[in-house]
């Protein structure tokens, strides 16, 4: 009870967060694209390839977790699992900030994270950002506690949940190497840190060799896709900076937090700064930018924000409580009304109904993984994957005789990549070929999207 009483303010924040997130599970919404992929891969793994779909460029930890709940209401339990992970992220943010700074900074940082528009929205969306962020924070927590083997193990799991989390491992192993060079750590620490990181990675590399004859194939494919498939999400360099300030203007105090860390540096605080920079800066160098990609960086950013904010108001001595209260009130006034639950609507009922009512036993081609998210069907061809371009269309044309059911939403595929001049012409010819060879079951429009369902059945 003493522990609970000592942290009662955070416990109130945590319980409120958890209740709100449980409530969000019952807010009606459809499944997002990437969520459908991970659900499909989970079914594919646990059915030995008889159901679902497969995208080689995806890491496997999250599909393995989601697939475990297959046939157990796996969509709901998957969302519940994300809620538990997001609650863990909030808890670890508090614990790390408390250990490195103090309880007041920890409370403010966790409050900022709770009320972050991006973090709030994605707390029950079946993407990898929240689970992988949890493993990164857990790895850093053990790093601060000098439990380096556990730290490396959870960082390895984070990497196998989301490939980009390799950037969380790099600064910490560099710091251990620095400790070793300075004679503060034995070489065995560095060796075992690397070894434990590889425990979840090596089986994945072995399976890649068995499946693709190349242990690094998924990484190479993902790298290629990052360069060529995310162009519709291309944003200017300043995108994250502007949107972080829009989301919480007090985040500007993170700059002061950085200054204060290096004014009175300690190795653990420097480690936090380095980890933040490593998981934040690379996303700014990539053209494809979405706020959800920064979820791993947000806990570290808000810890630095709280540190800078308190350092600033402490300069006012007698009025510091008043000024802090006013700043937090401004934050609440501007931020709370912007919070939104996930109410995404995919408007794909015509495809869901066809999949649900039609006895499909093979030859299913789809342009969107959500088409089979609620069924146990197997997608034999992903029209959209890895990139819908002239080369992919040529492949589809050459193999069209293998199709029995073709479900296609043009908005999943178009516009074509701008350098691919022939793509639009080939797309139109592909649609004409489908109309010629198959029975057109349905052709409807929603906004600018044209929906097609073709079947070989007479």
Protein backbone atom coordinates (compact mmCIF):
# COMPACT_ATOMS: atom_id res chain seq x y z
CA UNK A 1 0.00 0.00 0.00
CA UNK A 2 2.87 2.40 0.65
CA UNK A 3 4.01 1.95 -2.94
CA UNK A 4 0.51 2.70 -4.25
CA UNK A 5 0.20 5.77 -2.02
CA UNK A 6 3.63 7.03 -3.10
CA UNK A 7 2.60 6.91 -6.78
CA UNK A 8 -1.10 7.75 -6.42
CA UNK A 9 -1.09 10.58 -9.00
CA UNK A 10 0.34 8.33 -11.67
CA UNK A 11 -2.01 5.52 -10.69
CA UNK A 12 -4.96 7.84 -11.27
CA UNK A 13 -3.57 8.75 -14.71
CA UNK A 14 -2.88 5.08 -15.50
CA UNK A 15 -6.32 3.84 -14.43
CA UNK A 16 -8.06 6.62 -16.33
CA UNK A 17 -6.02 5.77 -19.43
CA UNK A 18 -6.82 2.06 -19.10
CA UNK A 19 -10.56 2.66 -18.65
CA UNK A 20 -10.69 5.01 -21.65
CA UNK A 21 -8.82 2.49 -23.79
CA UNK A 22 -11.08 -0.38 -22.77
CA UNK A 23 -14.04 1.79 -23.73
CA UNK A 24 -12.41 2.45 -27.12
CA UNK A 25 -12.59 -1.27 -27.90
CA UNK A 26 -16.34 -0.91 -28.29
CA UNK A 27 -16.22 2.08 -30.63
CA UNK A 28 -17.20 0.78 -34.05
CA UNK A 29 -14.48 0.93 -36.71
CA UNK A 30 -13.02 -1.09 -39.56
CA UNK A 31 -9.58 -2.65 -39.72
CA UNK A 32 -6.70 -0.69 -41.20
CA UNK A 33 -4.59 -1.95 -44.09
CA UNK A 34 -1.47 -2.98 -42.15
CA UNK A 35 -3.61 -4.49 -39.40
CA UNK A 36 -5.26 -6.71 -42.01
CA UNK A 37 -1.84 -7.81 -43.23
CA UNK A 38 -0.68 -8.87 -39.77
CA UNK A 39 -3.97 -10.67 -39.11
CA UNK A 40 -3.67 -12.44 -42.46
CA UNK A 41 -0.08 -13.45 -41.79
CA UNK A 42 -1.07 -14.77 -38.37
CA UNK A 43 -3.71 -17.01 -39.95
CA UNK A 44 -1.23 -18.10 -42.62
CA UNK A 45 1.35 -19.17 -40.01
CA UNK A 46 -1.06 -21.09 -37.75
CA UNK A 47 -2.88 -22.73 -40.67
CA UNK A 48 0.38 -23.80 -42.39
CA UNK A 49 -0.49 -21.70 -45.42
CA UNK A 50 -4.13 -22.81 -45.80
CA UNK A 51 -5.62 -19.43 -44.85
CA UNK A 52 -4.68 -15.76 -44.79
CA UNK A 53 -1.90 -14.16 -46.79
CA UNK A 54 1.87 -13.74 -46.78
CA UNK A 55 4.07 -10.67 -47.21
CA UNK A 56 7.78 -11.61 -46.92
CA UNK A 57 8.88 -8.07 -46.03
CA UNK A 58 7.11 -8.09 -42.65
CA UNK A 59 8.67 -9.16 -39.32
CA UNK A 60 6.96 -12.09 -37.57
CA UNK A 61 6.54 -11.34 -33.85
CA UNK A 62 3.27 -9.44 -34.23
CA UNK A 63 1.65 -11.93 -36.67
CA UNK A 64 2.64 -14.74 -34.30
CA UNK A 65 0.91 -12.96 -31.41
CA UNK A 66 -2.24 -12.15 -33.38
CA UNK A 67 -2.43 -15.61 -34.94
CA UNK A 68 -2.43 -17.19 -31.48
CA UNK A 69 -5.94 -15.78 -31.01
CA UNK A 70 -7.17 -17.08 -34.36
CA UNK A 71 -10.63 -18.67 -33.94
CA UNK A 72 -10.83 -17.02 -30.48
CA UNK A 73 -12.31 -13.69 -31.55
CA UNK A 74 -8.84 -12.73 -32.70
CA UNK A 75 -9.67 -9.19 -33.85
CA UNK A 76 -11.07 -8.21 -30.45
CA UNK A 77 -8.31 -9.98 -28.51
CA UNK A 78 -5.71 -8.42 -30.78
CA UNK A 79 -7.05 -4.95 -29.97
CA UNK A 80 -7.11 -5.83 -26.27
CA UNK A 81 -3.48 -6.92 -26.56
CA UNK A 82 -2.56 -3.52 -28.04
CA UNK A 83 -4.31 -1.84 -25.10
CA UNK A 84 -2.15 -3.85 -22.68
CA UNK A 85 0.99 -2.95 -24.63
CA UNK A 86 0.07 0.75 -24.71
CA UNK A 87 -0.59 0.63 -20.96
CA UNK A 88 2.87 -0.91 -20.59
CA UNK A 89 4.35 1.92 -22.66
CA UNK A 90 2.74 4.47 -20.33
CA UNK A 91 3.97 2.63 -17.23
CA UNK A 92 7.53 2.28 -18.53
CA UNK A 93 7.61 5.96 -19.52
CA UNK A 94 6.79 6.83 -15.92
CA UNK A 95 9.31 4.39 -14.43
CA UNK A 96 12.16 5.47 -16.71
CA UNK A 97 11.51 9.19 -16.12
CA UNK A 98 11.25 8.64 -12.36
CA UNK A 99 14.53 6.69 -12.23
CA UNK A 100 16.48 9.12 -14.41
CA UNK A 101 14.94 12.37 -13.17
CA UNK A 102 12.19 12.57 -10.54
CA UNK A 103 8.55 11.72 -9.89
CA UNK A 104 7.17 15.11 -10.96
CA UNK A 105 8.88 14.86 -14.36
CA UNK A 106 7.62 11.28 -14.68
CA UNK A 107 4.02 12.34 -14.00
CA UNK A 108 4.13 15.19 -16.54
CA UNK A 109 5.79 13.00 -19.18
CA UNK A 110 3.20 10.23 -18.76
CA UNK A 111 0.40 12.82 -18.90
CA UNK A 112 1.75 14.25 -22.16
CA UNK A 113 1.99 10.74 -23.61
CA UNK A 114 -1.53 9.80 -22.49
CA UNK A 115 -2.97 12.90 -24.19
CA UNK A 116 -0.82 12.69 -27.32
CA UNK A 117 -3.19 12.62 -30.30
CA UNK A 118 -1.12 10.03 -32.15
CA UNK A 119 -0.58 7.73 -29.17
CA UNK A 120 -4.23 8.06 -28.13
CA UNK A 121 -5.52 7.12 -31.59
CA UNK A 122 -3.33 4.07 -32.13
CA UNK A 123 -3.89 2.43 -28.76
CA UNK A 124 -6.13 -0.27 -30.20
CA UNK A 125 -5.07 -0.34 -33.85
CA UNK A 126 -3.34 -3.59 -34.78
CA UNK A 127 -0.12 -2.02 -36.07
CA UNK A 128 3.40 -2.78 -34.85
CA UNK A 129 4.25 0.67 -33.51
CA UNK A 130 2.79 0.20 -30.01
CA UNK A 131 4.04 -3.38 -29.33
CA UNK A 132 7.53 -2.62 -30.66
CA UNK A 133 7.66 0.63 -28.65
CA UNK A 134 6.85 -1.39 -25.52
CA UNK A 135 9.77 -3.75 -26.16
CA UNK A 136 12.13 -0.82 -26.86
CA UNK A 137 11.14 0.87 -23.61
CA UNK A 138 11.46 -2.40 -21.70
CA UNK A 139 14.89 -2.91 -23.22
CA UNK A 140 15.95 0.61 -22.23
CA UNK A 141 14.51 0.18 -18.72
CA UNK A 142 16.69 -2.89 -18.18
CA UNK A 143 19.63 -1.02 -19.70
CA UNK A 144 19.24 1.72 -17.09
CA UNK A 145 19.05 -0.99 -14.41
CA UNK A 146 22.26 -2.47 -15.87
CA UNK A 147 20.47 -5.73 -16.65
CA UNK A 148 22.13 -5.75 -20.04
CA UNK A 149 21.23 -9.29 -21.11
CA UNK A 150 17.50 -8.67 -20.61
CA UNK A 151 17.90 -5.30 -22.29
CA UNK A 152 19.40 -6.82 -25.42
CA UNK A 153 16.84 -9.64 -25.53
CA UNK A 154 13.89 -7.23 -25.54
CA UNK A 155 15.58 -4.96 -28.06
CA UNK A 156 15.95 -8.02 -30.29
CA UNK A 157 12.25 -8.76 -29.90
CA UNK A 158 11.49 -5.11 -30.73
CA UNK A 159 13.56 -5.47 -33.91
CA UNK A 160 11.65 -8.65 -34.82
CA UNK A 161 8.39 -6.75 -34.24
CA UNK A 162 9.37 -3.76 -36.36
CA UNK A 163 12.59 -3.69 -38.38
CA UNK A 164 13.15 0.03 -37.86
CA UNK A 165 13.72 -0.63 -34.16
CA UNK A 166 17.29 -1.62 -35.01
CA UNK A 167 17.91 2.09 -34.46
CA UNK A 168 17.11 1.63 -30.77
CA UNK A 169 19.77 -1.07 -30.44
CA UNK A 170 22.59 0.84 -32.17
CA UNK A 171 23.10 3.71 -29.65
CA UNK A 172 23.02 1.35 -26.67
CA UNK A 173 25.62 -1.04 -28.04
CA UNK A 174 27.75 1.97 -28.99
CA UNK A 175 27.51 3.18 -25.40
CA UNK A 176 28.54 -0.23 -24.09
CA UNK A 177 31.48 -0.18 -26.49
CA UNK A 178 32.37 3.25 -25.10
CA UNK A 179 32.18 1.85 -21.55
CA UNK A 180 34.46 -1.00 -22.62
CA UNK A 181 37.02 1.35 -24.20
CA UNK A 182 37.02 3.48 -21.04
CA UNK A 183 37.52 0.37 -18.94
CA UNK A 184 34.14 0.66 -17.22
CA UNK A 185 32.72 -2.57 -18.66
CA UNK A 186 34.26 -5.97 -19.39
CA UNK A 187 34.33 -7.20 -22.98
CA UNK A 188 32.03 -10.02 -21.88
CA UNK A 189 29.26 -7.46 -21.28
CA UNK A 190 29.53 -6.29 -24.89
CA UNK A 191 29.68 -9.88 -26.15
CA UNK A 192 26.63 -11.06 -24.23
CA UNK A 193 24.68 -7.93 -25.11
CA UNK A 194 25.19 -8.77 -28.79
CA UNK A 195 24.46 -12.45 -28.19
CA UNK A 196 21.16 -11.88 -26.38
CA UNK A 197 20.04 -9.43 -29.06
CA UNK A 198 20.56 -12.18 -31.63
CA UNK A 199 18.51 -14.80 -29.76
CA UNK A 200 15.20 -13.80 -31.45
CA UNK A 201 16.96 -12.71 -34.66
CA UNK A 202 18.92 -15.86 -35.61
CA UNK A 203 15.86 -18.17 -35.94
CA UNK A 204 14.33 -15.59 -38.26
CA UNK A 205 17.48 -15.48 -40.40
CA UNK A 206 17.51 -19.28 -40.59
CA UNK A 207 13.85 -19.39 -41.64
CA UNK A 208 14.58 -16.76 -44.31
CA UNK A 209 17.36 -18.93 -45.70
CA UNK A 210 15.03 -21.92 -45.82
CA UNK A 211 12.19 -19.99 -47.44
CA UNK A 212 14.04 -17.60 -49.76
CA UNK A 213 17.64 -18.93 -50.01
CA UNK A 214 18.73 -15.60 -48.57
CA UNK A 215 18.66 -14.84 -44.82
CA UNK A 216 18.46 -11.10 -45.53
CA UNK A 217 15.77 -11.20 -48.22
CA UNK A 218 12.98 -9.56 -46.12
CA UNK A 219 15.31 -6.71 -45.13
CA UNK A 220 16.36 -6.13 -48.73
CA UNK A 221 12.76 -6.27 -49.93
CA UNK A 222 11.61 -3.89 -47.19
CA UNK A 223 14.42 -1.49 -48.06
CA UNK A 224 13.39 -1.57 -51.72
CA UNK A 225 9.72 -1.05 -50.84
CA UNK A 226 10.57 1.86 -48.53
CA UNK A 227 12.19 3.57 -51.48
CA UNK A 228 9.51 2.88 -54.09
CA UNK A 229 6.12 2.25 -52.44
CA UNK A 230 5.65 5.05 -49.90
CA UNK A 231 5.69 7.94 -52.32
CA UNK A 232 1.98 8.72 -51.81
CA UNK A 233 2.91 9.52 -48.17
CA UNK A 234 5.82 11.73 -49.19
CA UNK A 235 6.13 14.80 -46.95
CA UNK A 236 8.67 17.64 -46.59
CA UNK A 237 11.52 17.43 -44.09
CA UNK A 238 9.79 19.68 -41.54
CA UNK A 239 6.61 17.55 -41.42
CA UNK A 240 7.28 15.94 -38.02
CA UNK A 241 8.52 19.14 -36.40
CA UNK A 242 5.42 21.07 -37.40
CA UNK A 243 2.98 18.33 -36.40
CA UNK A 244 4.65 17.66 -33.07
CA UNK A 245 4.29 21.34 -32.15
CA UNK A 246 0.67 21.36 -33.39
CA UNK A 247 0.01 18.32 -31.23
CA UNK A 248 1.56 19.84 -28.12
CA UNK A 249 3.17 23.27 -28.25
CA UNK A 250 4.96 22.54 -24.96
CA UNK A 251 7.12 20.04 -26.85
CA UNK A 252 9.35 23.01 -27.64
CA UNK A 253 10.63 22.67 -24.07
CA UNK A 254 12.32 19.42 -25.20
CA UNK A 255 15.06 21.63 -26.65
CA UNK A 256 15.69 22.98 -23.15
CA UNK A 257 15.58 19.42 -21.86
CA UNK A 258 18.40 18.49 -24.22
CA UNK A 259 20.40 21.50 -23.08
CA UNK A 260 19.90 20.61 -19.41
CA UNK A 261 20.97 16.98 -19.99
CA UNK A 262 24.29 18.03 -21.47
CA UNK A 263 24.72 20.81 -18.91
CA UNK A 264 24.80 18.16 -16.17
CA UNK A 265 25.35 14.93 -18.06
CA UNK A 266 25.05 11.44 -16.66
CA UNK A 267 25.56 8.32 -18.74
CA UNK A 268 21.95 7.12 -18.39
CA UNK A 269 20.52 10.52 -19.34
CA UNK A 270 22.86 10.73 -22.31
CA UNK A 271 21.72 7.21 -23.26
CA UNK A 272 18.11 8.42 -23.26
CA UNK A 273 18.99 11.37 -25.50
CA UNK A 274 20.95 9.19 -27.91
CA UNK A 275 18.17 6.62 -28.10
CA UNK A 276 15.63 9.36 -28.78
CA UNK A 277 17.76 10.84 -31.56
CA UNK A 278 18.36 7.43 -33.13
CA UNK A 279 14.64 6.57 -33.24
CA UNK A 280 13.59 10.07 -34.33
CA UNK A 281 16.14 11.42 -36.82
CA UNK A 282 16.06 8.54 -39.37
CA UNK A 283 12.33 9.01 -39.97
CA UNK A 284 13.00 12.62 -40.93
CA UNK A 285 15.41 11.49 -43.64
CA UNK A 286 12.82 9.28 -45.35
CA UNK A 287 10.27 10.79 -47.74
CA UNK A 288 7.46 8.58 -46.40
CA UNK A 289 6.23 10.31 -43.24
CA UNK A 290 3.29 9.48 -40.98
CA UNK A 291 2.87 10.55 -37.36
CA UNK A 292 2.31 6.95 -36.22
CA UNK A 293 5.90 6.14 -37.17
CA UNK A 294 7.10 8.37 -34.31
CA UNK A 295 5.28 6.47 -31.55
CA UNK A 296 8.53 4.91 -30.27
CA UNK A 297 10.14 8.35 -30.03
CA UNK A 298 7.23 9.98 -28.17
CA UNK A 299 7.96 8.64 -24.63
CA UNK A 300 11.56 9.84 -24.81
CA UNK A 301 10.51 13.15 -26.35
CA UNK A 302 7.95 13.83 -23.62
CA UNK A 303 10.43 12.93 -20.87
CA UNK A 304 12.80 15.53 -22.28
CA UNK A 305 9.86 17.96 -22.65
CA UNK A 306 8.89 17.53 -18.99
CA UNK A 307 12.52 17.94 -17.91
CA UNK A 308 12.91 21.15 -19.90
CA UNK A 309 9.52 22.47 -18.77
CA UNK A 310 10.25 22.01 -15.07
CA UNK A 311 13.75 23.38 -15.47
CA UNK A 312 12.23 26.48 -17.05
CA UNK A 313 9.50 27.12 -14.44
CA UNK A 314 11.93 26.50 -11.56
CA UNK A 315 13.65 29.75 -12.54
CA UNK A 316 10.59 31.65 -11.33
CA UNK A 317 10.92 30.42 -7.73
CA UNK A 318 7.85 31.75 -5.87
CA UNK A 319 5.64 31.71 -8.98
CA UNK A 320 6.81 28.39 -10.40
CA UNK A 321 3.68 26.45 -9.33
CA UNK A 322 1.39 29.09 -10.83
CA UNK A 323 3.30 29.19 -14.13
CA UNK A 324 3.43 25.39 -14.39
CA UNK A 325 -0.30 25.19 -13.68
CA UNK A 326 -1.08 27.79 -16.34
CA UNK A 327 1.04 26.02 -18.95
CA UNK A 328 -0.62 22.68 -18.20
CA UNK A 329 -4.08 24.28 -18.35
CA UNK A 330 -3.23 25.68 -21.80
CA UNK A 331 -2.08 22.20 -22.81
CA UNK A 332 -5.37 20.65 -21.65
CA UNK A 333 -7.50 23.29 -23.33
CA UNK A 334 -5.83 22.89 -26.71
CA UNK A 335 -5.12 19.16 -26.63
CA UNK A 336 -8.05 17.31 -25.07
CA UNK A 337 -10.66 18.46 -27.65
CA UNK A 338 -8.43 17.09 -30.43
CA UNK A 339 -8.33 13.54 -29.07
CA UNK A 340 -10.12 11.01 -31.28
CA UNK A 341 -11.01 7.34 -31.08
CA UNK A 342 -10.43 5.19 -34.14
CA UNK A 343 -13.62 5.36 -36.24
CA UNK A 344 -12.08 4.36 -39.57
CA UNK A 345 -14.56 3.19 -42.22
CA UNK A 346 -13.15 1.29 -45.19
CA UNK A 347 -16.44 1.25 -47.21
CA UNK A 348 -15.54 -2.21 -48.51
CA UNK A 349 -18.78 -4.00 -47.55
CA UNK A 350 -19.34 -5.24 -51.12
CA UNK A 351 -16.07 -7.20 -50.93
CA UNK A 352 -16.65 -8.44 -47.38
CA UNK A 353 -20.12 -9.67 -48.36
CA UNK A 354 -18.82 -11.47 -51.43
CA UNK A 355 -16.08 -13.21 -49.45
CA UNK A 356 -18.52 -14.11 -46.67
CA UNK A 357 -21.26 -15.49 -48.93
CA UNK A 358 -19.22 -17.16 -51.66
CA UNK A 359 -17.68 -20.59 -51.16
CA UNK A 360 -14.16 -19.75 -52.38
CA UNK A 361 -11.79 -22.73 -52.46
CA UNK A 362 -8.88 -21.27 -54.45
CA UNK A 363 -7.66 -18.82 -57.04
CA UNK A 364 -8.46 -15.73 -54.95
CA UNK A 365 -6.77 -12.51 -56.10
CA UNK A 366 -7.19 -9.38 -53.96
CA UNK A 367 -6.06 -5.76 -54.12
CA UNK A 368 -6.55 -5.14 -50.40
CA UNK A 369 -5.68 -7.38 -47.41
CA UNK A 370 -8.82 -6.18 -45.56
CA UNK A 371 -11.01 -8.15 -48.00
CA UNK A 372 -10.21 -11.38 -46.11
CA UNK A 373 -9.61 -9.97 -42.62
CA UNK A 374 -12.85 -11.49 -41.29
CA UNK A 375 -12.68 -14.78 -43.17
CA UNK A 376 -10.54 -17.90 -43.25
CA UNK A 377 -9.92 -17.66 -46.98
CA UNK A 378 -6.44 -17.71 -48.46
CA UNK A 379 -5.28 -15.01 -50.86
CA UNK A 380 -3.42 -16.73 -53.70
CA UNK A 381 -2.28 -13.47 -55.26
CA UNK A 382 -1.79 -10.02 -53.76
CA UNK A 383 -2.39 -7.70 -56.70
CA UNK A 384 -0.89 -4.76 -54.81
CA UNK A 385 2.29 -6.48 -53.59
CA UNK A 386 5.14 -5.65 -53.53
CA UNK A 387 4.38 -2.75 -55.91
CA UNK A 388 1.65 -2.28 -58.49
CA UNK A 389 3.57 -1.17 -61.57
CA UNK A 390 4.12 -2.24 -65.16
CA UNK A 391 6.22 -5.22 -64.11
CA UNK A 392 3.56 -6.43 -61.66
CA UNK A 393 0.79 -5.98 -64.22
CA UNK A 394 2.78 -8.02 -66.76
CA UNK A 395 3.10 -10.79 -64.16
CA UNK A 396 -0.63 -10.71 -63.44
CA UNK A 397 -1.49 -10.87 -67.15
CA UNK A 398 0.85 -13.85 -67.67
CA UNK A 399 -0.74 -15.72 -64.75
CA UNK A 400 -4.37 -14.66 -65.12
CA UNK A 401 -5.45 -18.22 -65.90
CA UNK A 402 -4.67 -19.14 -62.29
CA UNK A 403 -7.33 -16.74 -61.00
CA UNK A 404 -10.86 -17.82 -60.07
CA UNK A 405 -12.01 -14.73 -58.16
CA UNK A 406 -10.53 -11.26 -58.65
CA UNK A 407 -11.48 -8.55 -56.15
CA UNK A 408 -10.12 -5.15 -57.08
CA UNK A 409 -10.41 -1.60 -55.73
CA UNK A 410 -8.69 0.84 -58.06
CA UNK A 411 -7.82 3.16 -55.15
CA UNK A 412 -5.64 0.39 -53.72
CA UNK A 413 -3.58 0.41 -56.91
CA UNK A 414 -3.72 3.86 -58.46
CA UNK A 415 -2.15 6.27 -59.07
CA UNK A 416 0.75 4.42 -60.68
CA UNK A 417 4.31 5.35 -59.72
CA UNK A 418 5.02 8.60 -61.56
CA UNK A 419 8.20 7.44 -63.37
CA UNK A 420 6.34 4.40 -64.76
CA UNK A 421 4.88 5.93 -67.91
CA UNK A 422 3.37 2.70 -69.25
CA UNK A 423 1.62 1.72 -66.01
CA UNK A 424 -1.73 3.49 -66.54
CA UNK A 425 -2.08 2.09 -70.06
CA UNK A 426 -1.26 -1.41 -68.85
CA UNK A 427 -3.68 -1.04 -65.94
CA UNK A 428 -6.54 -0.23 -68.33
CA UNK A 429 -5.57 -3.15 -70.56
CA UNK A 430 -5.50 -5.44 -67.49
CA UNK A 431 -9.04 -4.40 -66.51
CA UNK A 432 -10.20 -5.01 -70.11
CA UNK A 433 -8.58 -8.46 -70.01
CA UNK A 434 -10.40 -9.31 -66.78
CA UNK A 435 -13.72 -8.20 -68.32
CA UNK A 436 -13.02 -10.40 -71.34
CA UNK A 437 -11.98 -13.56 -69.48
CA UNK A 438 -14.23 -13.43 -66.38
CA UNK A 439 -17.82 -12.79 -65.36
CA UNK A 440 -18.23 -9.30 -63.93
CA UNK A 441 -20.16 -9.90 -60.70
CA UNK A 442 -20.09 -6.32 -59.47
CA UNK A 443 -18.86 -2.94 -60.63
CA UNK A 444 -19.61 -0.04 -58.29
CA UNK A 445 -18.07 3.29 -57.43
CA UNK A 446 -17.32 4.95 -54.11
CA UNK A 447 -16.01 8.50 -54.44
CA UNK A 448 -13.07 8.19 -56.86
CA UNK A 449 -12.66 4.45 -56.26
CA UNK A 450 -13.99 1.85 -58.70
CA UNK A 451 -14.82 -1.57 -57.25
CA UNK A 452 -14.64 -4.70 -59.39
CA UNK A 453 -15.49 -8.30 -58.55
CA UNK A 454 -14.77 -10.88 -61.21
CA UNK A 455 -15.35 -14.62 -61.12
CA UNK A 456 -14.71 -17.51 -63.48
CA UNK A 457 -18.03 -19.15 -62.40
CA UNK A 458 -20.73 -19.27 -65.02
